[in-house]
Protein backbone atom coordinates (compact mmCIF):
# COMPACT_ATOMS: atom_id res chain seq x y z
CA MET A 1 90.23 152.66 106.30
CA CYS A 2 90.97 149.67 104.10
CA GLU A 3 88.64 149.42 101.12
CA TYR A 4 88.24 145.64 101.34
CA VAL A 5 84.59 144.63 101.88
CA TYR A 6 83.79 141.39 103.66
CA GLU A 7 81.01 139.10 102.44
CA ASN A 8 78.77 140.36 105.23
CA GLY A 9 78.99 143.86 103.78
CA GLN A 10 81.33 145.36 106.39
CA LYS A 11 84.61 147.06 105.52
CA CYS A 12 88.00 146.22 106.94
CA ARG A 13 88.96 148.71 109.66
CA LEU A 14 92.72 148.44 109.36
CA LYS A 15 94.86 151.32 108.16
CA PRO A 16 95.77 151.06 104.48
CA VAL A 17 99.33 150.95 103.19
CA GLU A 18 100.62 154.32 102.06
CA GLY A 19 99.88 154.68 98.37
CA SER A 20 97.22 151.96 98.39
CA LYS A 21 93.61 151.64 99.39
CA TYR A 22 94.20 148.26 101.08
CA CYS A 23 95.70 147.33 104.43
CA PRO A 24 98.83 145.10 104.67
CA LEU A 25 96.67 141.98 104.91
CA HIS A 26 94.42 142.68 101.94
CA ILE A 27 96.82 144.33 99.55
CA PRO A 28 97.57 142.01 96.59
CA TYR A 29 101.09 140.65 96.04
CA ASP A 30 102.01 142.70 92.98
CA GLU A 31 100.86 145.99 94.51
CA ALA A 32 102.55 145.21 97.83
CA GLU A 33 105.85 144.40 96.13
CA ARG A 34 105.65 147.57 94.05
CA LEU A 35 105.03 149.76 97.09
CA LEU A 36 106.99 147.93 99.79
CA GLY A 37 109.64 146.10 97.80
CA GLU A 38 111.45 143.24 99.54
CA SER A 39 109.88 144.11 102.88
CA ALA A 40 106.37 143.23 101.65
CA GLY A 41 106.48 139.79 103.21
CA LYS A 42 107.77 141.09 106.53
CA VAL A 43 105.13 143.85 106.72
CA LYS A 44 102.34 141.39 105.94
CA GLY A 45 103.65 138.86 108.47
CA GLU A 46 103.88 141.43 111.26
CA ALA A 47 100.37 142.72 110.53
CA PHE A 48 99.03 139.18 110.63
CA GLN A 49 100.75 138.39 113.95
CA ARG A 50 99.40 141.60 115.52
CA ARG A 51 95.91 140.73 114.38
CA LEU A 52 96.28 137.21 115.74
CA LYS A 53 97.58 138.36 119.13
CA SER A 54 94.67 140.76 119.48
CA GLY A 55 92.28 137.79 119.42
CA TYR A 56 91.19 137.71 115.78
CA THR A 57 91.11 134.25 114.22
CA TYR A 58 88.90 134.94 111.20
CA PHE A 59 90.77 136.07 108.08
CA GLU A 60 88.99 136.79 104.83
CA GLY A 61 90.53 137.93 101.58
CA VAL A 62 94.08 138.16 102.95
CA TYR A 63 97.30 137.85 100.94
CA LEU A 64 100.15 136.33 102.94
CA TYR A 65 103.62 134.99 102.22
CA ASP A 66 105.28 132.73 104.80
CA VAL A 67 103.13 132.51 107.94
CA LYS A 68 103.83 130.62 111.16
CA ILE A 69 101.21 130.25 113.88
CA SER A 70 102.94 128.91 116.96
CA GLU A 71 101.84 128.09 120.52
CA LEU A 72 98.32 129.39 119.90
CA LYS A 73 95.57 128.31 122.28
CA THR A 74 92.11 129.75 121.78
CA GLU A 75 88.45 128.82 122.05
CA LYS A 76 87.73 130.13 118.56
CA PRO A 77 88.47 128.29 115.29
CA VAL A 78 91.07 129.68 112.91
CA VAL A 79 89.43 130.44 109.57
CA PHE A 80 90.88 131.54 106.23
CA LYS A 81 88.33 132.42 103.57
CA ASN A 82 88.83 133.71 100.04
CA SER A 83 92.51 134.10 100.90
CA THR A 84 95.82 133.58 99.11
CA ILE A 85 98.76 132.24 101.10
CA ARG A 86 102.16 130.96 99.97
CA THR A 87 103.00 128.83 103.04
CA ILE A 88 101.30 128.53 106.42
CA LEU A 89 102.63 126.50 109.34
CA PHE A 90 100.68 125.62 112.47
CA ASP A 91 103.10 124.62 115.21
CA SER A 92 101.86 123.34 118.59
CA VAL A 93 98.46 125.03 118.40
CA ASP A 94 95.40 123.99 120.40
CA VAL A 95 92.25 125.22 118.66
CA PRO A 96 88.70 123.90 118.16
CA GLY A 97 89.07 124.06 114.41
CA VAL A 98 91.12 125.08 111.37
CA THR A 99 89.24 125.97 108.18
CA PHE A 100 90.37 126.92 104.68
CA TYR A 101 87.48 127.85 102.44
CA ASN A 102 87.67 129.01 98.84
CA SER A 103 91.36 129.87 99.21
CA ARG A 104 94.60 129.38 97.31
CA VAL A 105 97.46 128.05 99.41
CA GLY A 106 100.89 126.85 98.35
CA ARG A 107 101.55 124.65 101.36
CA ILE A 108 99.65 123.94 104.58
CA ILE A 109 101.58 122.31 107.43
CA LEU A 110 99.88 121.27 110.66
CA PHE A 111 102.58 120.06 113.03
CA GLY A 112 102.41 118.84 116.63
CA SER A 113 99.01 120.42 117.13
CA ARG A 114 95.63 119.59 118.60
CA VAL A 115 92.49 120.57 116.70
CA GLY A 116 88.83 119.74 116.91
CA THR A 117 87.97 119.80 113.20
CA PHE A 118 90.18 120.44 110.20
CA LEU A 119 88.28 121.51 107.08
CA LEU A 120 89.63 122.29 103.62
CA GLN A 121 86.92 123.03 101.08
CA GLY A 122 86.66 124.70 97.69
CA SER A 123 90.35 125.57 97.68
CA HIS A 124 93.50 125.14 95.57
CA VAL A 125 96.43 123.70 97.54
CA PHE A 126 99.76 122.40 96.30
CA GLY A 127 100.77 120.49 99.42
CA LEU A 128 98.83 119.60 102.58
CA ASN A 129 100.92 118.10 105.40
CA ILE A 130 99.45 117.00 108.73
CA LEU A 131 102.20 115.67 110.98
CA ARG A 132 101.94 114.46 114.60
CA ALA A 133 98.58 116.08 115.11
CA SER A 134 95.57 114.96 117.11
CA PHE A 135 91.93 115.78 116.44
CA SER A 136 88.77 115.31 118.48
CA ASN A 137 86.19 115.55 115.69
CA SER A 138 87.14 114.88 112.06
CA ILE A 139 89.41 115.96 109.21
CA TYR A 140 87.62 116.88 105.98
CA ILE A 141 89.37 117.68 102.69
CA ARG A 142 86.61 118.29 100.18
CA ASP A 143 85.78 119.80 96.79
CA SER A 144 89.31 121.08 96.22
CA SER A 145 92.33 120.83 93.99
CA VAL A 146 95.16 119.34 96.03
CA ARG A 147 98.40 118.09 94.49
CA TYR A 148 99.94 116.32 97.50
CA VAL A 149 98.31 115.11 100.72
CA MET A 150 100.60 113.74 103.45
CA ILE A 151 99.21 112.69 106.84
CA ASN A 152 101.71 111.26 109.34
CA SER A 153 101.48 110.20 113.01
CA THR A 154 98.01 111.68 113.41
CA GLU A 155 95.34 110.19 115.65
CA TYR A 156 91.77 110.66 116.77
CA VAL A 157 91.62 111.47 120.49
CA GLY A 158 87.86 111.81 120.93
CA THR A 159 85.53 109.59 122.89
CA GLY A 160 84.29 107.73 119.84
CA GLU A 161 80.72 108.96 120.34
CA LYS A 162 78.41 109.48 117.41
CA GLY A 163 77.83 112.87 115.90
CA GLU A 164 74.59 114.56 114.93
CA GLU A 165 71.80 112.47 113.51
CA GLU A 166 70.79 112.97 109.91
CA TYR A 167 67.87 111.10 108.29
CA GLY A 168 67.97 108.51 111.01
CA GLU A 169 71.70 107.80 110.58
CA LYS A 170 74.38 108.99 112.95
CA LYS A 171 77.67 110.31 111.63
CA ALA A 172 80.72 108.75 113.23
CA LEU A 173 83.44 111.03 114.52
CA GLY A 174 87.13 110.40 114.12
CA ARG A 175 87.10 110.34 110.31
CA ILE A 176 89.70 111.51 107.85
CA GLU A 177 87.74 112.11 104.67
CA LEU A 178 89.17 113.09 101.29
CA SER A 179 86.38 113.57 98.78
CA ASN A 180 85.83 115.17 95.40
CA LEU A 181 89.46 116.17 94.89
CA SER A 182 91.12 116.92 91.55
CA ASP A 183 94.68 117.17 90.17
CA VAL A 184 95.97 114.83 92.88
CA ARG A 185 99.51 113.58 92.37
CA ARG A 186 99.94 111.60 95.55
CA ILE A 187 98.15 110.73 98.78
CA GLY A 188 100.42 109.39 101.50
CA ILE A 189 99.68 108.11 104.98
CA ASN A 190 102.85 107.83 107.08
CA VAL A 191 105.22 108.27 104.14
CA ARG A 192 108.67 109.80 104.24
CA TYR A 193 108.87 113.31 102.86
CA PRO A 194 112.39 114.79 103.08
CA LEU A 195 111.26 118.21 101.79
CA LEU A 196 108.87 118.63 104.73
CA LYS A 197 111.69 117.98 107.19
CA ARG A 198 113.76 120.68 105.54
CA ILE A 199 110.86 123.16 105.69
CA LEU A 200 110.31 122.45 109.39
CA GLU A 201 114.01 122.87 110.14
CA GLU A 202 113.95 126.24 108.37
CA HIS A 203 111.28 127.29 110.89
CA GLY A 204 113.34 126.08 113.85
CA ILE A 205 111.53 122.75 114.26
CA ASN A 206 113.50 119.50 114.49
CA PRO A 207 111.13 116.55 113.86
CA VAL A 208 112.66 113.53 115.60
CA SER A 209 111.83 110.37 113.64
CA SER A 210 111.72 108.20 116.77
CA SER A 211 108.44 109.78 117.83
CA GLU A 212 106.57 108.64 114.71
CA ARG A 213 103.43 106.60 115.37
CA SER A 214 100.49 105.06 113.54
CA VAL A 215 97.63 107.06 112.09
CA LYS A 216 94.66 106.06 114.26
CA VAL A 217 91.19 106.96 113.02
CA THR A 218 87.66 105.66 112.98
CA ASP A 219 87.68 105.62 109.17
CA LEU A 220 89.93 106.83 106.40
CA VAL A 221 87.59 107.62 103.51
CA LEU A 222 88.84 108.40 100.00
CA ARG A 223 85.98 109.17 97.66
CA ASP A 224 85.63 110.68 94.15
CA ILE A 225 89.30 111.57 93.75
CA GLU A 226 90.68 112.49 90.33
CA PHE A 227 94.38 111.75 90.00
CA ASP A 228 96.66 113.72 87.71
CA GLN A 229 96.98 111.57 84.57
CA ALA A 230 100.26 113.01 83.32
CA THR A 231 102.38 110.24 81.83
CA ARG A 232 105.31 110.92 84.15
CA PHE A 233 103.20 109.88 87.17
CA LYS A 234 101.89 106.64 85.65
CA ARG A 235 104.59 104.40 87.16
CA GLN A 236 104.63 106.07 90.58
CA ILE A 237 102.87 105.02 93.78
CA ARG A 238 99.92 107.40 93.84
CA LEU A 239 98.24 106.10 97.00
CA SER A 240 100.34 104.92 99.92
CA VAL A 241 98.74 103.88 103.22
CA ARG A 242 101.20 102.81 105.92
CA ARG A 243 100.64 102.09 109.59
CA LEU A 244 96.96 102.95 109.51
CA HIS A 245 94.82 101.76 112.40
CA GLY A 246 91.11 101.97 111.64
CA GLY A 247 88.64 101.59 108.81
CA LEU A 248 89.50 102.13 105.14
CA VAL A 249 86.98 103.08 102.47
CA LEU A 250 87.96 103.59 98.82
CA GLU A 251 85.02 104.72 96.71
CA ASN A 252 84.81 105.89 93.09
CA LEU A 253 88.57 106.01 92.62
CA ASN A 254 90.48 105.74 89.37
CA ILE A 255 94.09 105.49 90.50
CA PHE A 256 96.42 106.31 87.62
CA GLY A 257 99.45 104.43 88.93
CA HIS A 258 100.19 102.07 91.81
CA ALA A 259 98.65 101.78 95.29
CA GLU A 260 99.97 100.16 98.47
CA VAL A 261 98.71 99.35 101.96
CA THR A 262 101.47 98.22 104.32
CA GLY A 263 101.89 97.63 108.05
CA SER A 264 98.26 98.51 108.79
CA TRP A 265 95.36 97.24 110.87
CA LEU A 266 92.18 97.61 108.81
CA ARG A 267 88.68 97.27 110.17
CA ASN A 268 85.93 96.43 107.66
CA PRO A 269 87.79 97.75 104.56
CA GLU A 270 85.61 98.66 101.59
CA PHE A 271 86.52 98.98 97.92
CA ILE A 272 83.64 100.49 95.95
CA HIS A 273 84.01 101.20 92.23
CA THR A 274 87.78 101.33 92.63
CA ARG A 275 90.16 100.88 89.72
CA VAL A 276 93.95 100.69 90.00
CA MET A 277 95.76 101.00 86.67
CA GLY A 278 99.05 99.83 88.16
CA ASN A 279 99.78 97.33 90.94
CA LEU A 280 97.97 96.98 94.25
CA ILE A 281 100.13 95.84 97.18
CA PHE A 282 99.01 94.61 100.58
CA ARG A 283 101.97 93.90 102.85
CA ARG A 284 102.08 93.13 106.60
CA THR A 285 98.45 94.19 106.94
CA ALA A 286 95.76 92.76 109.20
CA PHE A 287 92.18 92.60 107.90
CA HIS A 288 89.49 92.51 110.60
CA GLY A 289 85.87 92.22 109.57
CA ASP A 290 82.71 91.70 111.58
CA PHE A 291 79.83 89.42 110.61
CA ALA A 292 78.05 92.09 108.55
CA TRP A 293 81.22 92.87 106.60
CA ASN A 294 81.88 89.21 105.87
CA SER A 295 78.28 88.73 104.72
CA THR A 296 77.72 91.86 102.61
CA VAL A 297 80.94 93.69 101.70
CA LEU A 298 83.47 90.89 101.30
CA PRO A 299 81.63 88.92 98.55
CA ASN A 300 81.43 92.07 96.39
CA ILE A 301 85.11 93.06 96.61
CA PRO A 302 86.16 91.03 93.52
CA VAL A 303 83.44 92.80 91.54
CA GLU A 304 83.99 96.32 92.90
CA LEU A 305 87.82 96.27 92.86
CA SER A 306 89.57 96.25 89.48
CA VAL A 307 93.36 96.05 89.18
CA GLU A 308 95.03 96.13 85.78
CA GLY A 309 98.47 95.25 87.13
CA PHE A 310 99.42 92.77 89.84
CA VAL A 311 97.89 92.24 93.27
CA ASP A 312 100.43 91.35 95.95
CA VAL A 313 99.24 89.98 99.31
CA GLU A 314 102.33 89.38 101.45
CA ASN A 315 102.54 88.51 105.15
CA CYS A 316 98.95 89.56 105.79
CA ARG A 317 96.62 88.36 108.53
CA PHE A 318 92.87 87.86 108.21
CA SER A 319 90.20 87.61 110.87
CA SER A 320 88.38 84.98 108.81
CA PRO A 321 89.52 82.35 106.29
CA ARG A 322 86.83 83.59 103.91
CA ALA A 323 88.54 86.99 103.72
CA ALA A 324 91.89 85.34 103.05
CA GLU A 325 90.33 83.28 100.28
CA VAL A 326 88.90 86.36 98.54
CA PHE A 327 92.13 88.41 98.63
CA TYR A 328 94.34 85.47 97.60
CA ARG A 329 91.97 84.81 94.70
CA LEU A 330 92.30 88.43 93.58
CA ALA A 331 96.07 88.05 93.64
CA ARG A 332 96.00 84.72 91.77
CA ILE A 333 93.77 86.03 88.99
CA SER A 334 95.96 89.10 88.49
CA TRP A 335 99.17 87.04 88.14
CA GLU A 336 97.49 84.53 85.83
CA ARG A 337 96.17 87.33 83.65
CA ASN A 338 99.66 88.78 83.32
CA GLY A 339 101.26 85.42 82.56
CA ASP A 340 103.25 84.75 85.74
CA PHE A 341 101.94 81.28 86.60
CA GLU A 342 104.65 80.62 89.18
CA ARG A 343 103.36 83.40 91.45
CA ALA A 344 99.79 82.50 90.53
CA ASP A 345 100.37 78.96 91.82
CA ASN A 346 101.62 80.31 95.16
CA TYR A 347 98.45 82.31 95.62
CA TYR A 348 96.31 79.39 94.41
CA TYR A 349 97.76 77.23 97.18
CA LEU A 350 97.05 79.90 99.81
CA GLU A 351 93.55 80.32 98.41
CA MET A 352 92.81 76.61 98.67
CA VAL A 353 94.15 76.39 102.23
CA ALA A 354 91.95 79.33 103.20
CA LYS A 355 88.99 77.70 101.49
CA ARG A 356 89.55 74.49 103.45
CA ASN A 357 89.82 76.40 106.73
CA SER A 358 86.67 78.32 105.84
CA ARG A 359 84.69 75.09 105.60
CA LEU A 360 86.07 73.96 108.95
CA GLY A 361 85.00 77.24 110.52
CA GLY A 362 81.35 76.80 109.64
CA ARG A 363 78.58 76.57 112.20
CA ARG A 364 77.42 73.10 111.26
CA LYS A 365 76.85 70.65 114.11
CA GLY A 366 76.41 66.98 114.66
CA VAL A 367 77.20 64.30 112.08
CA LYS A 368 77.58 66.80 109.26
CA ARG A 369 80.38 68.58 111.09
CA ILE A 370 82.18 65.26 111.62
CA PHE A 371 81.99 64.51 107.89
CA ILE A 372 83.32 67.97 107.08
CA LYS A 373 86.29 67.44 109.39
CA LEU A 374 86.99 64.04 107.83
CA GLU A 375 86.78 65.59 104.38
CA ALA A 376 89.24 68.30 105.43
CA VAL A 377 91.67 65.70 106.80
CA PHE A 378 91.41 63.69 103.59
CA GLU A 379 91.98 66.84 101.50
CA TRP A 380 95.00 67.84 103.58
CA LEU A 381 96.53 64.37 103.35
CA PHE A 382 96.02 63.68 99.63
CA ALA A 383 95.92 67.17 98.08
CA ASP A 384 97.93 69.45 100.35
CA LEU A 385 100.60 67.24 101.88
CA THR A 386 101.41 65.40 98.68
CA CYS A 387 101.64 68.24 96.13
CA LYS A 388 100.31 71.49 97.62
CA TYR A 389 97.12 71.28 95.55
CA GLY A 390 98.98 70.48 92.36
CA THR A 391 101.43 73.38 92.52
CA ASP A 392 104.61 71.57 93.63
CA TRP A 393 105.96 68.73 91.44
CA LYS A 394 109.08 68.27 93.58
CA ARG A 395 107.19 67.31 96.72
CA PRO A 396 105.66 64.01 95.42
CA ILE A 397 109.12 62.89 94.21
CA LEU A 398 110.69 63.66 97.59
CA ILE A 399 107.88 61.93 99.50
CA TRP A 400 108.10 58.88 97.22
CA LEU A 401 111.89 58.59 97.62
CA VAL A 402 111.78 58.95 101.42
CA ALA A 403 108.86 56.57 101.87
CA VAL A 404 110.11 53.86 99.49
CA ASN A 405 113.79 53.99 100.39
CA VAL A 406 113.56 54.69 104.13
CA PHE A 407 110.13 54.33 105.71
CA PHE A 408 108.84 51.07 104.23
CA PRO A 409 112.21 49.21 104.37
CA ILE A 410 112.41 50.05 108.08
CA LEU A 411 108.92 48.61 108.58
CA TYR A 412 109.88 45.42 106.82
CA ILE A 413 113.08 45.12 108.90
CA LEU A 414 111.29 45.73 112.20
CA THR A 415 108.54 43.20 111.43
CA ALA A 416 110.82 40.68 109.61
CA SER A 417 107.96 40.18 107.22
CA VAL A 418 109.79 39.52 103.95
CA GLU A 419 111.21 36.21 102.71
CA GLY A 420 113.57 35.68 99.81
CA LEU A 421 115.68 33.15 97.96
CA SER A 422 118.38 33.32 100.60
CA SER A 423 117.90 32.45 104.24
CA THR A 424 119.23 35.83 105.42
CA MET A 425 117.93 39.27 104.43
CA GLY A 426 120.21 42.29 104.27
CA ILE A 427 119.35 45.96 104.16
CA MET A 428 119.71 46.06 100.39
CA ASP A 429 117.32 43.13 100.06
CA TYR A 430 114.60 45.02 101.93
CA GLU A 431 115.40 48.11 99.88
CA TYR A 432 115.07 46.15 96.66
CA PHE A 433 111.78 44.56 97.74
CA SER A 434 110.37 47.97 98.70
CA ILE A 435 111.20 49.49 95.28
CA VAL A 436 109.79 46.49 93.41
CA THR A 437 106.59 46.64 95.45
CA ALA A 438 106.13 50.43 95.06
CA THR A 439 106.54 50.17 91.29
CA THR A 440 104.22 47.09 91.21
CA LEU A 441 106.74 45.05 89.20
CA GLY A 442 106.56 41.97 91.48
CA TYR A 443 109.41 39.79 90.18
CA GLY A 444 108.59 37.05 92.67
CA ASP A 445 112.07 36.52 94.07
CA TYR A 446 110.95 38.10 97.35
CA HIS A 447 107.51 37.94 98.92
CA PRO A 448 105.87 39.29 102.08
CA ILE A 449 104.64 37.15 104.94
CA GLY A 450 102.34 37.88 107.84
CA VAL A 451 101.85 41.59 108.48
CA GLY A 452 104.20 42.28 105.59
CA ARG A 453 101.35 41.53 103.19
CA ALA A 454 99.34 44.44 104.58
CA ILE A 455 102.39 46.72 104.49
CA ALA A 456 103.20 45.69 100.93
CA SER A 457 99.61 46.30 99.83
CA VAL A 458 99.66 49.80 101.31
CA GLU A 459 103.02 50.49 99.66
CA ALA A 460 101.78 49.35 96.25
CA LEU A 461 98.75 51.63 96.47
CA PHE A 462 100.95 54.46 97.73
CA GLY A 463 103.41 54.02 94.87
CA MET A 464 100.73 54.08 92.17
CA PHE A 465 99.03 57.09 93.72
CA MET A 466 102.21 59.14 94.05
CA TRP A 467 103.27 58.46 90.48
CA ALA A 468 99.86 59.54 89.25
CA VAL A 469 100.14 62.69 91.34
CA PHE A 470 103.61 63.44 90.02
CA LEU A 471 102.64 63.00 86.37
CA THR A 472 99.54 65.17 86.80
CA VAL A 473 101.35 67.96 88.61
CA PHE A 474 104.36 67.85 86.28
CA ALA A 475 102.16 68.05 83.21
CA ARG A 476 100.14 70.91 84.69
CA LYS A 477 103.29 72.80 85.64
CA TYR A 478 104.95 72.76 82.25
CA MET A 479 101.99 72.77 79.87
CA ARG A 480 100.22 75.90 81.14
């Protein structure tokens, strides 16, 4: 019998390899290669497949090379404990759970499979790839050293019911949780990984890109993750979340590099004690928050989220103007801090528009609501329409030229409300009178009559106001 002793005190009952005291599964690599030569991997693989076909799904202390588990359907979870594996591929399996505990694995690939719970704990893994899988409970990657984590086209297929109750709180199912990880080089959700495609093709699997879909979960939680701080990774995207549908929680993260969230639908996102040393990019992402999130989490995001580089918020949608205001303010502050005032002005304008819409969306009633609407109209007319809240110096010039040279002369012509030295008035005469009135020169050779007096008064006020706006905006633009 094999001399390997399980943690429960029982010995392995398999026949040992000739010349060794261990069976093909438990014999270490160096001893297996010395006794079996190049066939060591084949012998180990065949022994593993025989054990699997006989109904065993619990493997402790095994040493395996390149393992493929295909078309497996069982009521028992597949467990690897205290084991060392070079590469393991799960292809089209249907099991209640997959567990790696206190093991060393080069690469784990879960492809096109259905599992209840996936658990990786206390292990050392170079690459973890979950592709086109579905799970009915949760995915936990905890207390481990993992270099690369890639999760693509994976979704929660449970009923959404709550799990067991603990201290009065119920644990939600459908979570993908990465917590207390070290030596992480990259975490990717729906990212392209050409090497994985090549590995799958080597195992006779052709992953068609057209079948890719969003990662749908209750929550994606990333907590207490230590990224590899080697200098060569500093300028890389270390956290990439694409096409995620569900909640997002980043807690106690110190991301040594850049982070991006693109093409996603996020519900109640949380950023708790999160620091990004590079840039943080939100692109084509929808933020949906309920009343509790808007009241408690959203106001603390500027305090809890620290970005040393730039914050980009491009083509994003927000369920509330207040959320848009907070994220645009984060972006504005980051660009101002790094000296790019042109981009900062763009985000300042979006921030102010969101702030105006936020006031309109309040729950005030009666006369106060009417005054708020009038204030918003006034702000839009004199601050937004004229100069985009002081960020566009070209707009007041264009408005002034169009109004003075086109709009007001047409009014004077239609109302015939200007008299001059000559008995007849031509187009250029009305044009001249409009410019003189807008600049408040008033030479006296032409004067308004009737309704023209009211029009001329409005034009004079308009001209003075627009010049004041232009000078203010121009000075702000080029003296910052």
